[in-house]
N, C-alpha and C. Protein backbone atom coordinates (compact mmCIF):
# COMPACT_ATOMS: atom_id res chain seq x y z
N UNK A 1 94.06 113.49 90.89
CA UNK A 1 94.34 115.27 90.86
C UNK A 1 95.28 114.83 89.59
N UNK A 2 96.40 114.17 89.69
CA UNK A 2 97.05 113.70 88.07
C UNK A 2 96.46 112.40 87.58
N UNK A 3 96.13 112.96 86.26
CA UNK A 3 95.95 111.80 85.82
C UNK A 3 97.27 110.83 84.84
N UNK A 4 97.19 109.57 85.13
CA UNK A 4 98.00 109.03 84.62
C UNK A 4 98.04 108.27 83.41
N UNK A 5 97.10 108.41 82.22
CA UNK A 5 96.57 108.02 81.53
C UNK A 5 97.65 107.75 80.23
N UNK A 6 98.92 108.74 80.63
CA UNK A 6 99.79 108.27 79.59
C UNK A 6 101.22 107.50 79.86
N UNK A 7 101.66 107.14 79.12
CA UNK A 7 103.03 105.99 79.16
C UNK A 7 104.06 107.06 80.49
N UNK A 8 103.91 108.22 80.22
CA UNK A 8 104.88 108.91 81.42
C UNK A 8 104.39 110.02 81.36
N UNK A 9 104.93 111.38 82.15
CA UNK A 9 104.74 112.29 82.62
C UNK A 9 106.09 113.31 82.74
N UNK A 10 105.91 114.42 82.27
CA UNK A 10 106.55 115.48 81.91
C UNK A 10 106.08 116.80 83.53
N UNK A 11 106.61 116.56 84.38
CA UNK A 11 106.34 117.64 85.82
C UNK A 11 107.34 118.84 85.71
N UNK A 12 106.89 120.07 85.30
CA UNK A 12 107.75 121.20 85.67
C UNK A 12 107.98 121.34 87.33
N UNK A 13 108.98 122.16 87.89
CA UNK A 13 109.14 122.03 89.01
C UNK A 13 109.77 123.46 89.46
N UNK A 14 108.76 124.04 90.05
CA UNK A 14 109.37 125.47 90.57
C UNK A 14 108.92 125.75 92.14
N UNK A 15 109.29 127.00 92.95
CA UNK A 15 109.30 126.90 94.22
C UNK A 15 109.85 128.54 94.39
N UNK A 16 109.45 128.83 95.74
CA UNK A 16 110.08 130.45 96.21
C UNK A 16 110.11 130.96 95.17
N UNK A 17 109.20 131.55 94.65
CA UNK A 17 109.29 132.52 93.29
C UNK A 17 108.77 134.22 94.14
N UNK A 18 108.67 134.00 95.28
CA UNK A 18 108.81 135.25 96.17
C UNK A 18 108.43 136.16 95.59
N UNK A 19 107.13 136.47 94.98
CA UNK A 19 106.64 137.58 93.91
C UNK A 19 105.66 138.33 94.62
N UNK A 20 105.58 139.55 94.98
CA UNK A 20 106.82 140.87 94.27
C UNK A 20 108.16 140.86 94.81
N UNK A 21 108.05 140.50 96.29
CA UNK A 21 109.32 140.71 96.69
C UNK A 21 110.56 140.61 96.24
N UNK A 22 110.79 139.30 95.31
CA UNK A 22 112.55 139.08 94.74
C UNK A 22 112.22 139.42 93.55
N UNK A 23 111.09 139.57 92.61
CA UNK A 23 111.03 139.96 91.35
C UNK A 23 109.28 140.30 91.10
N UNK A 24 109.32 141.23 89.87
CA UNK A 24 107.64 141.62 89.71
C UNK A 24 107.34 140.22 88.82
N UNK A 25 107.49 139.17 88.20
CA UNK A 25 107.06 138.03 87.40
C UNK A 25 108.04 136.76 87.88
N UNK A 26 107.56 135.89 87.44
CA UNK A 26 108.39 134.45 86.90
C UNK A 26 109.17 134.64 85.81
N UNK A 27 110.58 134.38 85.66
CA UNK A 27 111.12 134.84 84.38
C UNK A 27 110.26 133.91 83.28
N UNK A 28 110.18 134.82 82.02
CA UNK A 28 109.54 134.53 80.98
C UNK A 28 110.20 133.30 80.48
N UNK A 29 111.55 133.11 80.53
CA UNK A 29 112.46 132.09 79.73
C UNK A 29 111.85 131.03 80.66
N UNK A 30 111.50 130.67 82.17
CA UNK A 30 110.88 129.42 82.77
C UNK A 30 109.58 129.39 81.99
N UNK A 31 108.83 130.43 81.74
CA UNK A 31 107.37 129.84 81.49
C UNK A 31 107.57 129.43 80.40
N UNK A 32 108.33 130.01 78.98
CA UNK A 32 108.64 129.40 77.73
C UNK A 32 109.04 128.16 77.68
N UNK A 33 110.02 127.88 78.57
CA UNK A 33 110.70 126.60 78.70
C UNK A 33 109.77 125.40 79.09
N UNK A 34 108.73 125.58 80.13
CA UNK A 34 107.77 124.92 80.37
C UNK A 34 106.80 124.56 78.92
N UNK A 35 106.52 125.72 78.39
CA UNK A 35 105.45 125.50 77.38
C UNK A 35 106.03 124.81 76.02
N UNK A 36 107.50 125.19 75.96
CA UNK A 36 108.34 124.21 74.95
C UNK A 36 108.43 123.14 74.75
N UNK A 37 108.56 122.63 75.94
CA UNK A 37 108.74 121.16 76.62
C UNK A 37 107.43 120.84 76.89
N UNK A 38 106.07 121.27 76.74
CA UNK A 38 105.06 120.67 77.16
C UNK A 38 104.78 120.12 78.37
N UNK A 39 104.68 120.54 79.33
CA UNK A 39 104.84 119.93 80.54
C UNK A 39 103.54 119.57 80.74
N UNK A 40 103.11 118.45 81.17
CA UNK A 40 101.94 117.62 81.75
C UNK A 40 101.04 118.58 83.08
N UNK A 41 101.94 118.93 84.04
CA UNK A 41 102.08 119.38 85.17
C UNK A 41 102.66 120.01 85.64
N UNK A 42 102.37 121.42 86.55
CA UNK A 42 103.73 122.15 87.24
C UNK A 42 103.07 121.71 88.96
N UNK A 43 104.40 121.71 89.56
CA UNK A 43 104.19 121.70 90.92
C UNK A 43 104.69 123.17 91.18
N UNK A 44 104.28 123.35 92.23
CA UNK A 44 104.84 124.77 92.95
C UNK A 44 105.04 124.46 94.32
N UNK A 45 106.17 124.89 94.74
CA UNK A 45 106.54 123.93 95.96
C UNK A 45 106.73 125.29 97.30
N UNK A 46 105.59 126.24 97.10
CA UNK A 46 105.44 127.12 97.79
C UNK A 46 106.24 128.07 98.07
N UNK A 47 105.84 129.26 98.86
CA UNK A 47 106.54 130.89 98.72
C UNK A 47 105.95 131.32 97.19
N UNK A 48 104.88 131.43 96.99
CA UNK A 48 104.45 131.93 95.70
C UNK A 48 104.53 133.61 95.92
N UNK A 49 103.95 133.88 97.61
CA UNK A 49 103.95 134.57 98.21
C UNK A 49 102.57 135.57 97.79
N UNK A 50 102.33 136.24 96.74
CA UNK A 50 101.01 136.96 96.26
C UNK A 50 100.12 135.49 95.22
N UNK A 51 98.90 135.65 96.25
CA UNK A 51 97.84 134.70 95.23
C UNK A 51 97.91 135.12 93.91
N UNK A 52 98.12 136.21 93.06
CA UNK A 52 98.02 136.43 91.85
C UNK A 52 98.96 135.46 91.02
N UNK A 53 100.37 134.93 91.64
CA UNK A 53 101.09 134.31 91.01
C UNK A 53 100.07 132.98 91.05
N UNK A 54 99.63 132.23 91.71
CA UNK A 54 99.13 130.71 91.85
C UNK A 54 97.98 131.27 90.70
N UNK A 55 97.43 131.86 90.77
CA UNK A 55 96.08 132.31 89.64
C UNK A 55 96.74 132.51 88.08
N UNK A 56 98.15 133.49 87.92
CA UNK A 56 98.47 133.23 86.72
C UNK A 56 99.35 131.85 86.16
N UNK A 57 99.54 131.17 86.94
CA UNK A 57 100.12 130.00 86.63
C UNK A 57 98.94 129.24 86.55
N UNK A 58 97.61 128.94 86.47
CA UNK A 58 96.35 128.27 86.44
C UNK A 58 96.00 129.12 84.98
N UNK A 59 96.09 130.18 84.93
CA UNK A 59 95.46 130.87 83.48
C UNK A 59 96.66 130.35 82.42
N UNK A 60 97.61 130.37 82.76
CA UNK A 60 98.76 129.85 81.66
C UNK A 60 98.83 128.78 80.93
N UNK A 61 98.51 127.52 82.42
CA UNK A 61 98.79 125.97 82.15
C UNK A 61 97.61 125.31 82.45
N UNK A 62 96.58 125.79 82.90
CA UNK A 62 95.38 125.11 83.16
C UNK A 62 95.22 125.05 84.56
N UNK A 63 93.89 125.24 85.20
CA UNK A 63 93.47 125.31 86.38
C UNK A 63 93.99 123.30 86.94
N UNK A 64 93.59 122.25 86.26
CA UNK A 64 93.94 121.35 86.91
C UNK A 64 95.41 120.65 86.51
N UNK A 65 95.78 121.66 86.01
CA UNK A 65 97.51 121.38 85.88
C UNK A 65 98.40 122.03 86.95
N UNK A 66 98.17 122.71 87.81
CA UNK A 66 99.21 123.40 88.84
C UNK A 66 98.51 122.68 90.05
N UNK A 67 99.78 122.10 90.39
CA UNK A 67 99.96 121.42 92.02
C UNK A 67 100.75 122.22 92.84
N UNK A 68 100.02 123.15 93.65
CA UNK A 68 100.70 123.68 94.65
C UNK A 68 100.61 123.55 95.93
N UNK A 69 101.56 124.18 97.34
CA UNK A 69 101.48 123.47 98.36
C UNK A 69 101.67 125.32 98.70
N UNK A 70 101.43 125.34 100.41
CA UNK A 70 101.70 126.76 101.07
C UNK A 70 102.93 126.56 101.25
N UNK A 71 103.59 127.54 101.35
CA UNK A 71 105.21 127.92 102.05
C UNK A 71 104.89 128.88 103.19
N UNK A 72 106.28 128.94 103.74
CA UNK A 72 105.64 129.84 105.21
C UNK A 72 105.92 131.44 104.79
N UNK A 73 106.13 131.91 103.32
CA UNK A 73 105.78 133.36 103.28
C UNK A 73 104.88 133.50 102.55
N UNK A 74 103.78 132.90 102.54
CA UNK A 74 102.78 133.07 101.53
C UNK A 74 101.53 133.70 102.16
N UNK A 75 100.86 134.37 101.68
CA UNK A 75 99.66 135.22 101.89
C UNK A 75 98.76 133.86 102.33
N UNK A 76 97.80 135.03 103.13
CA UNK A 76 96.61 134.51 104.21
C UNK A 76 95.75 133.86 103.02
N UNK A 77 95.57 134.10 101.80
CA UNK A 77 94.62 133.59 100.45
C UNK A 77 95.57 132.16 100.34
N UNK A 78 96.58 132.41 99.90
CA UNK A 78 96.95 131.16 99.69
C UNK A 78 96.96 130.12 100.69
N UNK A 79 97.47 130.32 101.94
CA UNK A 79 97.43 129.43 102.95
C UNK A 79 95.90 128.83 103.29
N UNK A 80 95.19 129.99 102.91
CA UNK A 80 93.54 128.79 102.96
C UNK A 80 93.12 128.31 101.70
N UNK A 81 94.00 128.49 100.76
CA UNK A 81 93.57 127.49 99.09
C UNK A 81 94.38 126.46 99.15
N UNK A 82 95.54 126.22 99.78
CA UNK A 82 96.45 125.46 99.67
C UNK A 82 96.75 124.45 100.56
N UNK A 83 97.05 123.04 100.61
CA UNK A 83 97.64 122.37 101.81
C UNK A 83 99.09 122.73 101.96
N UNK A 84 99.62 122.13 103.14
CA UNK A 84 101.05 122.30 103.60
C UNK A 84 101.68 121.28 102.72
N UNK A 85 100.95 120.03 102.45
CA UNK A 85 101.82 119.07 101.88
C UNK A 85 100.77 118.09 100.97
N UNK A 86 101.31 117.20 99.90
CA UNK A 86 100.68 116.60 99.24
C UNK A 86 101.19 115.23 99.35
N UNK A 87 100.40 114.25 98.63
CA UNK A 87 100.91 112.92 98.69
C UNK A 87 101.05 112.52 97.05
N UNK A 88 101.08 112.14 96.58
CA UNK A 88 100.99 111.62 95.17
C UNK A 88 101.38 110.22 94.95
N UNK A 89 100.66 109.47 93.97
CA UNK A 89 101.42 108.26 93.49
C UNK A 89 101.43 108.03 92.22
N UNK A 90 102.23 108.24 91.47
CA UNK A 90 102.47 108.37 90.13
C UNK A 90 102.97 107.21 89.91
N UNK A 91 102.45 106.31 89.13
CA UNK A 91 102.87 104.92 88.33
C UNK A 91 103.51 103.85 89.52
N UNK A 92 103.22 104.18 90.64
CA UNK A 92 103.66 103.42 91.39
C UNK A 92 104.69 103.95 92.27
N UNK A 93 105.52 105.11 92.06
CA UNK A 93 106.06 105.63 93.11
C UNK A 93 105.19 106.65 93.66
N UNK A 94 105.88 106.64 95.16
CA UNK A 94 104.85 107.41 96.23
C UNK A 94 105.75 108.82 96.24
N UNK A 95 104.92 109.75 96.22
CA UNK A 95 105.53 111.35 96.35
C UNK A 95 105.05 111.99 97.27
N UNK A 96 106.09 112.64 98.15
CA UNK A 96 105.64 113.68 99.00
C UNK A 96 106.06 114.83 98.18
N UNK A 97 105.28 115.96 98.46
CA UNK A 97 105.23 117.41 98.39
C UNK A 97 105.18 118.18 98.98
N UNK A 98 106.35 119.04 100.07
CA UNK A 98 106.58 120.03 100.84
C UNK A 98 107.05 120.74 100.95
N UNK A 99 107.02 121.77 101.37
CA UNK A 99 107.71 123.31 101.53
C UNK A 99 109.07 122.92 102.36
N UNK A 100 109.14 122.34 103.67
CA UNK A 100 109.81 122.13 104.19
C UNK A 100 110.09 123.29 105.18
N UNK A 101 111.11 123.71 106.38
CA UNK A 101 111.00 124.37 107.26
C UNK A 101 112.42 124.31 107.70
N UNK A 102 112.62 125.60 108.70
CA UNK A 102 113.86 125.97 109.19
C UNK A 102 114.99 126.00 108.48
N UNK A 103 116.50 125.78 109.01
CA UNK A 103 117.43 126.14 107.86
C UNK A 103 117.79 125.22 107.20
N UNK A 104 118.46 125.84 105.76
CA UNK A 104 118.80 125.05 104.73
C UNK A 104 119.58 123.53 105.23
N UNK A 105 120.71 124.06 105.99
CA UNK A 105 122.30 122.99 105.75
C UNK A 105 121.51 121.55 106.43
N UNK A 106 120.82 121.40 107.09
CA UNK A 106 120.61 119.83 107.29
C UNK A 106 118.96 119.79 106.84
N UNK A 107 118.42 119.89 105.71
CA UNK A 107 116.99 120.05 105.28
C UNK A 107 116.96 118.38 104.88
N UNK A 108 117.66 117.56 104.28
CA UNK A 108 117.57 116.50 103.96
C UNK A 108 117.50 115.29 105.03
N UNK A 109 118.40 115.58 105.83
CA UNK A 109 118.38 114.87 107.27
C UNK A 109 116.75 115.24 107.92
N UNK A 110 116.53 116.30 108.06
CA UNK A 110 115.25 116.79 108.68
C UNK A 110 114.27 115.82 108.02
N UNK A 111 114.25 116.35 106.76
CA UNK A 111 112.87 115.50 105.64
C UNK A 111 112.88 114.12 105.76
N UNK A 112 114.43 113.28 106.04
CA UNK A 112 114.60 111.82 106.04
C UNK A 112 113.98 111.55 107.29
N UNK A 113 114.07 112.08 108.49
CA UNK A 113 113.46 111.83 110.00
C UNK A 113 112.53 111.78 110.17
N UNK A 114 111.72 112.78 109.25
CA UNK A 114 110.25 113.20 109.28
C UNK A 114 109.56 112.30 108.67
N UNK A 115 109.96 111.40 107.47
CA UNK A 115 109.57 110.45 106.50
C UNK A 115 109.74 109.19 107.10
N UNK A 116 110.78 108.60 108.10
CA UNK A 116 110.71 107.43 108.67
C UNK A 116 109.60 106.22 108.52
N UNK A 117 108.29 106.78 108.96
CA UNK A 117 107.20 106.14 109.17
C UNK A 117 106.29 105.77 107.99
N UNK A 118 106.97 106.60 106.68
CA UNK A 118 106.04 106.54 105.55
C UNK A 118 107.21 105.94 104.27
N UNK A 119 106.45 105.51 103.57
CA UNK A 119 107.37 104.72 102.17
C UNK A 119 107.50 105.80 101.22
N UNK A 120 107.62 106.97 101.31
CA UNK A 120 107.67 107.73 99.99
C UNK A 120 108.85 107.25 99.49
N UNK A 121 108.93 106.95 98.23
CA UNK A 121 110.27 106.98 97.25
C UNK A 121 110.84 108.44 96.63
N UNK A 122 109.55 109.30 96.54
CA UNK A 122 110.54 110.88 96.20
C UNK A 122 109.85 111.73 97.11
N UNK A 123 110.96 112.68 97.88
CA UNK A 123 110.73 113.98 98.61
C UNK A 123 110.97 115.06 97.34
N UNK A 124 109.65 115.88 97.21
CA UNK A 124 109.84 117.19 96.33
C UNK A 124 109.98 118.34 97.15
N UNK A 125 110.68 119.00 97.87
CA UNK A 125 110.51 120.02 98.43
C UNK A 125 111.11 121.80 98.13
N UNK A 126 110.87 122.65 98.98
CA UNK A 126 111.44 123.90 98.29
C UNK A 126 112.11 124.31 99.83
N UNK A 127 111.76 126.01 99.85
CA UNK A 127 112.28 126.39 101.07
C UNK A 127 113.68 126.93 101.52
N UNK A 128 114.94 126.07 100.40
CA UNK A 128 116.38 126.30 100.80
C UNK A 128 116.89 126.94 99.43
N UNK A 129 115.65 127.45 98.69
CA UNK A 129 116.29 128.19 97.53
C UNK A 129 117.82 127.98 96.81
N UNK A 130 117.95 126.92 96.69
CA UNK A 130 119.02 126.10 95.94
C UNK A 130 118.46 124.90 95.58
N UNK A 131 119.00 124.19 94.30
CA UNK A 131 118.67 123.08 93.85
C UNK A 131 119.17 121.92 94.63
N UNK A 132 118.46 120.70 94.39
CA UNK A 132 119.17 119.63 95.24
C UNK A 132 118.30 118.39 94.22
N UNK A 133 119.26 117.34 94.12
CA UNK A 133 118.42 116.43 93.09
C UNK A 133 119.78 115.02 93.59
N UNK A 134 119.40 114.42 94.70
CA UNK A 134 120.09 113.63 95.75
C UNK A 134 119.43 112.66 95.67
N UNK A 135 119.63 111.29 95.65
CA UNK A 135 119.64 109.86 96.42
C UNK A 135 120.23 109.93 97.70
N UNK A 136 119.77 109.52 98.64
CA UNK A 136 120.39 109.95 99.76
C UNK A 136 120.52 108.22 100.52
N UNK A 137 120.86 108.33 101.71
CA UNK A 137 121.10 107.13 102.04
C UNK A 137 120.00 106.27 102.91
N UNK A 138 118.78 106.85 102.64
CA UNK A 138 117.70 106.22 102.92
C UNK A 138 117.06 105.56 101.61
N UNK A 139 117.88 105.84 100.61
CA UNK A 139 117.28 105.52 99.69
C UNK A 139 116.27 106.27 98.55
N UNK A 140 116.07 107.15 99.43
CA UNK A 140 114.57 108.22 98.86
C UNK A 140 115.34 109.07 97.81
N UNK A 141 114.66 109.68 96.64
CA UNK A 141 115.17 110.65 96.11
C UNK A 141 114.75 111.71 96.72
N UNK A 142 115.63 113.24 96.70
CA UNK A 142 115.40 113.97 97.26
C UNK A 142 115.59 115.33 96.15
N UNK A 143 114.28 116.00 95.78
CA UNK A 143 114.37 117.15 94.70
C UNK A 143 113.96 118.43 94.89
N UNK A 144 114.94 119.29 94.64
CA UNK A 144 114.59 121.18 94.97
C UNK A 144 114.73 121.74 93.72
N UNK A 145 113.69 122.55 93.42
CA UNK A 145 114.29 123.05 92.60
C UNK A 145 115.00 124.55 92.36
N UNK A 146 115.01 124.64 94.14
CA UNK A 146 115.55 125.93 94.01
C UNK A 146 114.80 127.29 94.02
N UNK A 147 115.27 128.11 93.71
CA UNK A 147 114.55 129.74 93.38
C UNK A 147 114.77 130.05 91.81
N UNK A 148 113.50 130.77 91.34
CA UNK A 148 113.98 131.11 90.51
C UNK A 148 114.57 132.35 90.38
N UNK A 149 114.01 133.64 91.60
CA UNK A 149 114.11 134.88 91.64
C UNK A 149 115.00 135.41 92.81
N UNK A 150 115.55 134.81 93.73
CA UNK A 150 116.37 135.01 94.84
C UNK A 150 117.37 135.68 94.19
N UNK A 151 118.08 136.57 95.01
CA UNK A 151 119.13 136.97 94.81
C UNK A 151 119.89 137.49 96.23
N UNK A 152 119.49 137.06 97.31
CA UNK A 152 119.76 137.71 98.22
C UNK A 152 120.17 136.51 99.15
N UNK A 153 119.75 135.26 99.07
CA UNK A 153 120.00 134.14 100.06
C UNK A 153 121.05 133.09 99.04
N UNK A 154 120.63 133.37 97.82
CA UNK A 154 121.22 132.27 96.78
C UNK A 154 122.23 133.22 95.96
N UNK A 155 123.18 132.58 95.05
CA UNK A 155 123.69 133.19 93.86
C UNK A 155 123.35 132.39 92.95
N UNK A 156 122.58 131.02 93.07
CA UNK A 156 121.87 130.36 91.99
C UNK A 156 120.95 130.55 91.90
N UNK A 157 120.14 130.45 90.70
CA UNK A 157 118.62 130.52 90.37
C UNK A 157 118.46 129.61 89.81
N UNK A 158 117.40 128.58 89.82
CA UNK A 158 117.05 127.57 89.07
C UNK A 158 115.23 127.42 89.18
N UNK A 159 115.13 126.12 88.68
CA UNK A 159 113.91 125.77 88.55
C UNK A 159 114.32 123.73 87.54
N UNK A 160 113.11 122.99 87.54
CA UNK A 160 113.25 121.87 86.95
C UNK A 160 112.52 121.55 86.76
N UNK A 161 112.47 119.93 86.46
CA UNK A 161 111.57 118.92 85.74
C UNK A 161 111.89 117.71 86.30
N UNK A 162 110.77 116.75 86.03
CA UNK A 162 110.40 115.26 86.63
C UNK A 162 110.11 114.75 85.25
N UNK A 163 110.72 114.06 84.86
CA UNK A 163 110.18 112.94 83.66
C UNK A 163 109.90 111.66 84.72
N UNK A 164 108.55 111.36 84.78
CA UNK A 164 108.17 110.06 85.73
C UNK A 164 107.40 108.70 84.73
N UNK A 165 107.45 107.40 85.17
CA UNK A 165 106.65 106.58 84.35
C UNK A 165 106.97 105.57 85.23
N UNK A 166 106.20 104.41 84.57
CA UNK A 166 106.65 103.14 85.88
C UNK A 166 107.90 102.89 85.85
N UNK A 167 108.60 102.80 84.88
CA UNK A 167 110.22 102.37 84.56
C UNK A 167 111.51 103.61 84.70
N UNK A 168 110.91 104.93 84.72
CA UNK A 168 111.61 105.54 85.01
C UNK A 168 111.07 107.50 85.85
N UNK A 169 112.29 107.39 86.43
CA UNK A 169 112.08 108.86 87.32
C UNK A 169 113.68 109.58 87.10
N UNK A 170 113.24 110.57 86.21
CA UNK A 170 114.69 111.21 85.44
C UNK A 170 114.27 112.82 85.88
N UNK A 171 114.86 113.14 87.28
CA UNK A 171 115.05 114.39 87.20
C UNK A 171 116.17 115.45 86.56
N UNK A 172 115.56 116.70 86.69
CA UNK A 172 116.37 117.74 85.67
C UNK A 172 116.14 119.17 86.05
N UNK A 173 117.72 119.46 86.80
CA UNK A 173 117.62 121.08 87.31
C UNK A 173 118.45 122.06 86.17
N UNK A 174 117.69 122.91 86.23
CA UNK A 174 118.10 123.87 85.28
C UNK A 174 118.37 125.10 86.03
N UNK A 175 119.71 125.41 85.64
CA UNK A 175 120.81 126.78 86.19
C UNK A 175 120.31 127.63 85.29
N UNK A 176 119.93 128.68 85.73
CA UNK A 176 119.56 129.78 84.58
C UNK A 176 120.69 130.80 85.04
């Protein structure tokens, strides 16, 4: 899935785009930032809502460079196409990619409890519509890029990046 033949990767992070219910498209500023920084891969953390957004991202960045999972608000076609979770091992870092569920206030605690039998180093999630970049008491890094489009459940729109190599795990959240 992800080729790690480079010394490090720059991964764009986005989720909860909710197109077209929250916006007609992903903000062009984000697409341009991903292009300008020359991301190697793009992880979408679910709630594309419409399959056309998934297709658009594949056309824009390359079919093999989009890593998506389904969210709770996604169309039937997205749910038939994408898994609920993905696991990656990049440069020895074990990563879980999941959308998340239930309310936002204790999501890290729930994710931590559900991951107790696994040894993931990084958990990247969506669902809560606000950015997280937290190393928690269990030593795992929890990342959420938030949402770039929702104005109903949050007053902060955001997306993110993850620069990763054998020696480096460097997340960055961008507030719009």
